[in-house]
């Protein structure tokens, strides 16, 4: 911990950087998990489009594009 004095003369302490680092690590992990989920969803959408065929053959495919 680091002890400091603010502009009013009051003392305060700054905690270890481990807390900040853990928060940053957790945010990065969540971002990676969300990116993986988005990639899975994109692949599933591409597979669904491939199975459905071109939009001209089956007009119901337009529903998937919305």
N, C-alpha and C. Protein backbone atom coordinates (compact mmCIF):
# COMPACT_ATOMS: atom_id res chain seq x y z
N UNK A 1 0.84 -1.18 0.00
CA UNK A 1 0.00 0.00 0.00
C UNK A 1 0.88 1.24 0.00
N UNK A 2 0.35 2.25 -0.62
CA UNK A 2 1.06 3.50 -0.73
C UNK A 2 0.24 4.58 -0.04
N UNK A 3 0.86 5.30 0.87
CA UNK A 3 0.14 6.34 1.59
C UNK A 3 0.39 7.69 0.93
N UNK A 4 -0.69 8.44 0.72
CA UNK A 4 -0.61 9.74 0.07
C UNK A 4 -1.37 10.78 0.89
N UNK A 5 -1.17 12.05 0.56
CA UNK A 5 -1.92 13.15 1.17
C UNK A 5 -2.59 13.92 0.04
N UNK A 6 -3.93 14.10 0.16
CA UNK A 6 -4.64 14.79 -0.91
C UNK A 6 -4.51 16.31 -0.76
N UNK A 7 -5.18 17.06 -1.65
CA UNK A 7 -5.05 18.52 -1.67
C UNK A 7 -5.60 19.19 -0.42
N UNK A 8 -6.45 18.48 0.36
CA UNK A 8 -6.99 19.03 1.61
C UNK A 8 -6.13 18.68 2.82
N UNK A 9 -5.07 17.91 2.59
CA UNK A 9 -4.20 17.51 3.67
C UNK A 9 -4.63 16.21 4.33
N UNK A 10 -5.65 15.55 3.81
CA UNK A 10 -6.11 14.29 4.38
C UNK A 10 -5.28 13.15 3.83
N UNK A 11 -4.96 12.21 4.69
CA UNK A 11 -4.19 11.04 4.28
C UNK A 11 -5.10 10.00 3.66
N UNK A 12 -4.60 9.31 2.65
CA UNK A 12 -5.32 8.18 2.08
C UNK A 12 -4.29 7.18 1.58
N UNK A 13 -4.73 5.96 1.39
CA UNK A 13 -3.82 4.91 0.93
C UNK A 13 -4.30 4.37 -0.41
N UNK A 14 -3.34 3.96 -1.18
CA UNK A 14 -3.61 3.32 -2.46
C UNK A 14 -3.29 1.85 -2.27
N UNK A 15 -4.29 0.99 -2.54
CA UNK A 15 -4.09 -0.45 -2.36
C UNK A 15 -3.15 -1.01 -3.41
N UNK A 16 -2.83 -2.28 -3.21
CA UNK A 16 -1.97 -2.99 -4.15
C UNK A 16 -2.58 -2.97 -5.55
N UNK A 17 -1.74 -3.01 -6.53
CA UNK A 17 -2.20 -3.04 -7.92
C UNK A 17 -2.84 -4.37 -8.27
N UNK A 18 -2.70 -5.38 -7.40
CA UNK A 18 -3.28 -6.70 -7.69
C UNK A 18 -4.78 -6.60 -7.90
N UNK A 19 -5.45 -5.74 -7.14
CA UNK A 19 -6.89 -5.59 -7.27
C UNK A 19 -7.22 -5.07 -8.67
N UNK A 20 -6.50 -4.06 -9.11
CA UNK A 20 -6.72 -3.48 -10.44
C UNK A 20 -6.39 -4.51 -11.50
N UNK A 21 -5.29 -5.23 -11.33
CA UNK A 21 -4.90 -6.23 -12.31
C UNK A 21 -5.93 -7.35 -12.39
N UNK A 22 -6.48 -7.79 -11.26
CA UNK A 22 -7.49 -8.84 -11.28
C UNK A 22 -8.74 -8.38 -12.02
N UNK A 23 -9.13 -7.14 -11.80
CA UNK A 23 -10.29 -6.61 -12.50
C UNK A 23 -10.04 -6.57 -14.01
N UNK A 24 -8.85 -6.15 -14.39
CA UNK A 24 -8.49 -6.09 -15.81
C UNK A 24 -8.47 -7.49 -16.41
N UNK A 25 -7.93 -8.44 -15.67
CA UNK A 25 -7.87 -9.83 -16.15
C UNK A 25 -9.28 -10.37 -16.33
N UNK A 26 -10.17 -10.10 -15.38
CA UNK A 26 -11.56 -10.56 -15.49
C UNK A 26 -12.26 -9.95 -16.69
N UNK A 27 -12.04 -8.66 -16.94
CA UNK A 27 -12.65 -8.00 -18.11
C UNK A 27 -12.13 -8.63 -19.40
N UNK A 28 -10.84 -8.92 -19.44
CA UNK A 28 -10.26 -9.54 -20.64
C UNK A 28 -10.84 -10.93 -20.87
N UNK A 29 -10.99 -11.69 -19.78
CA UNK A 29 -11.57 -13.04 -19.91
C UNK A 29 -12.99 -12.97 -20.42
N UNK A 30 -13.78 -12.01 -19.90
CA UNK A 30 -15.15 -11.85 -20.37
C UNK A 30 -15.18 -11.46 -21.84
N UNK A 31 -14.27 -10.58 -22.24
CA UNK A 31 -14.21 -10.15 -23.64
C UNK A 31 -13.86 -11.32 -24.55
N UNK A 32 -12.92 -12.15 -24.12
CA UNK A 32 -12.55 -13.32 -24.92
C UNK A 32 -13.73 -14.28 -25.03
N UNK A 33 -14.43 -14.51 -23.92
CA UNK A 33 -15.58 -15.41 -23.95
C UNK A 33 -16.68 -14.87 -24.86
N UNK A 34 -16.93 -13.57 -24.81
CA UNK A 34 -17.94 -12.97 -25.68
C UNK A 34 -17.55 -13.06 -27.15
N UNK A 35 -16.27 -12.88 -27.44
CA UNK A 35 -15.80 -12.99 -28.82
C UNK A 35 -15.98 -14.41 -29.34
N UNK A 36 -15.67 -15.40 -28.50
CA UNK A 36 -15.86 -16.80 -28.90
C UNK A 36 -17.34 -17.08 -29.16
N UNK A 37 -18.20 -16.57 -28.30
CA UNK A 37 -19.63 -16.76 -28.48
C UNK A 37 -20.10 -16.13 -29.80
N UNK A 38 -19.62 -14.93 -30.09
CA UNK A 38 -20.00 -14.25 -31.34
C UNK A 38 -19.52 -15.05 -32.55
N UNK A 39 -18.32 -15.61 -32.47
CA UNK A 39 -17.81 -16.41 -33.58
C UNK A 39 -18.65 -17.67 -33.78
N UNK A 40 -19.04 -18.32 -32.67
CA UNK A 40 -19.91 -19.51 -32.77
C UNK A 40 -21.24 -19.16 -33.42
N UNK A 41 -21.81 -18.03 -33.00
CA UNK A 41 -23.10 -17.62 -33.56
C UNK A 41 -22.98 -17.29 -35.05
N UNK A 42 -21.86 -16.67 -35.45
CA UNK A 42 -21.65 -16.38 -36.87
C UNK A 42 -21.57 -17.68 -37.68
N UNK A 43 -20.82 -18.68 -37.15
CA UNK A 43 -20.71 -19.97 -37.84
C UNK A 43 -22.07 -20.64 -37.96
N UNK A 44 -22.86 -20.60 -36.88
CA UNK A 44 -24.20 -21.20 -36.91
C UNK A 44 -25.08 -20.51 -37.95
N UNK A 45 -24.99 -19.19 -38.03
CA UNK A 45 -25.78 -18.46 -39.01
C UNK A 45 -25.36 -18.83 -40.44
N UNK A 46 -24.05 -18.94 -40.67
CA UNK A 46 -23.56 -19.32 -41.99
C UNK A 46 -24.04 -20.72 -42.35
N UNK A 47 -24.01 -21.65 -41.39
CA UNK A 47 -24.50 -23.01 -41.66
C UNK A 47 -25.98 -22.99 -41.99
N UNK A 48 -26.75 -22.21 -41.24
CA UNK A 48 -28.19 -22.12 -41.49
C UNK A 48 -28.46 -21.55 -42.88
N UNK A 49 -27.69 -20.55 -43.27
CA UNK A 49 -27.87 -19.98 -44.61
C UNK A 49 -27.50 -21.00 -45.68
N UNK A 50 -26.45 -21.78 -45.45
CA UNK A 50 -26.02 -22.79 -46.42
C UNK A 50 -27.08 -23.88 -46.57
N UNK A 51 -27.70 -24.28 -45.47
CA UNK A 51 -28.72 -25.32 -45.51
C UNK A 51 -29.99 -24.79 -46.18
N UNK A 52 -30.32 -23.53 -45.92
CA UNK A 52 -31.55 -22.96 -46.46
C UNK A 52 -31.48 -22.72 -47.96
N UNK A 53 -30.28 -22.53 -48.48
CA UNK A 53 -30.12 -22.29 -49.92
C UNK A 53 -30.30 -20.82 -50.25
N UNK A 54 -30.25 -20.48 -51.54
CA UNK A 54 -30.38 -19.08 -51.95
C UNK A 54 -31.78 -18.54 -51.67
N UNK A 55 -31.87 -17.26 -51.43
CA UNK A 55 -33.14 -16.61 -51.07
C UNK A 55 -34.15 -16.68 -52.20
N UNK A 56 -33.71 -16.74 -53.45
CA UNK A 56 -34.63 -16.78 -54.58
C UNK A 56 -35.42 -18.08 -54.64
N UNK A 57 -34.84 -19.16 -54.15
CA UNK A 57 -35.49 -20.46 -54.18
C UNK A 57 -36.53 -20.56 -53.07
N UNK A 58 -36.19 -20.06 -51.89
CA UNK A 58 -37.08 -20.19 -50.73
C UNK A 58 -37.23 -18.81 -50.08
N UNK A 59 -38.36 -18.14 -50.25
CA UNK A 59 -38.50 -16.78 -49.71
C UNK A 59 -38.49 -16.72 -48.18
N UNK A 60 -38.68 -17.85 -47.50
CA UNK A 60 -38.65 -17.84 -46.04
C UNK A 60 -37.27 -17.56 -45.49
N UNK A 61 -36.23 -17.68 -46.29
CA UNK A 61 -34.86 -17.44 -45.85
C UNK A 61 -34.68 -15.98 -45.45
N UNK A 62 -35.44 -15.10 -46.04
CA UNK A 62 -35.33 -13.68 -45.70
C UNK A 62 -35.58 -13.44 -44.21
N UNK A 63 -36.35 -14.28 -43.59
CA UNK A 63 -36.62 -14.15 -42.15
C UNK A 63 -35.33 -14.29 -41.37
N UNK A 64 -34.43 -15.20 -41.80
CA UNK A 64 -33.16 -15.40 -41.11
C UNK A 64 -32.27 -14.17 -41.20
N UNK A 65 -32.37 -13.43 -42.26
CA UNK A 65 -31.52 -12.26 -42.45
C UNK A 65 -31.91 -11.11 -41.52
N UNK A 66 -33.09 -11.12 -40.97
CA UNK A 66 -33.52 -10.05 -40.09
C UNK A 66 -32.99 -10.31 -38.76
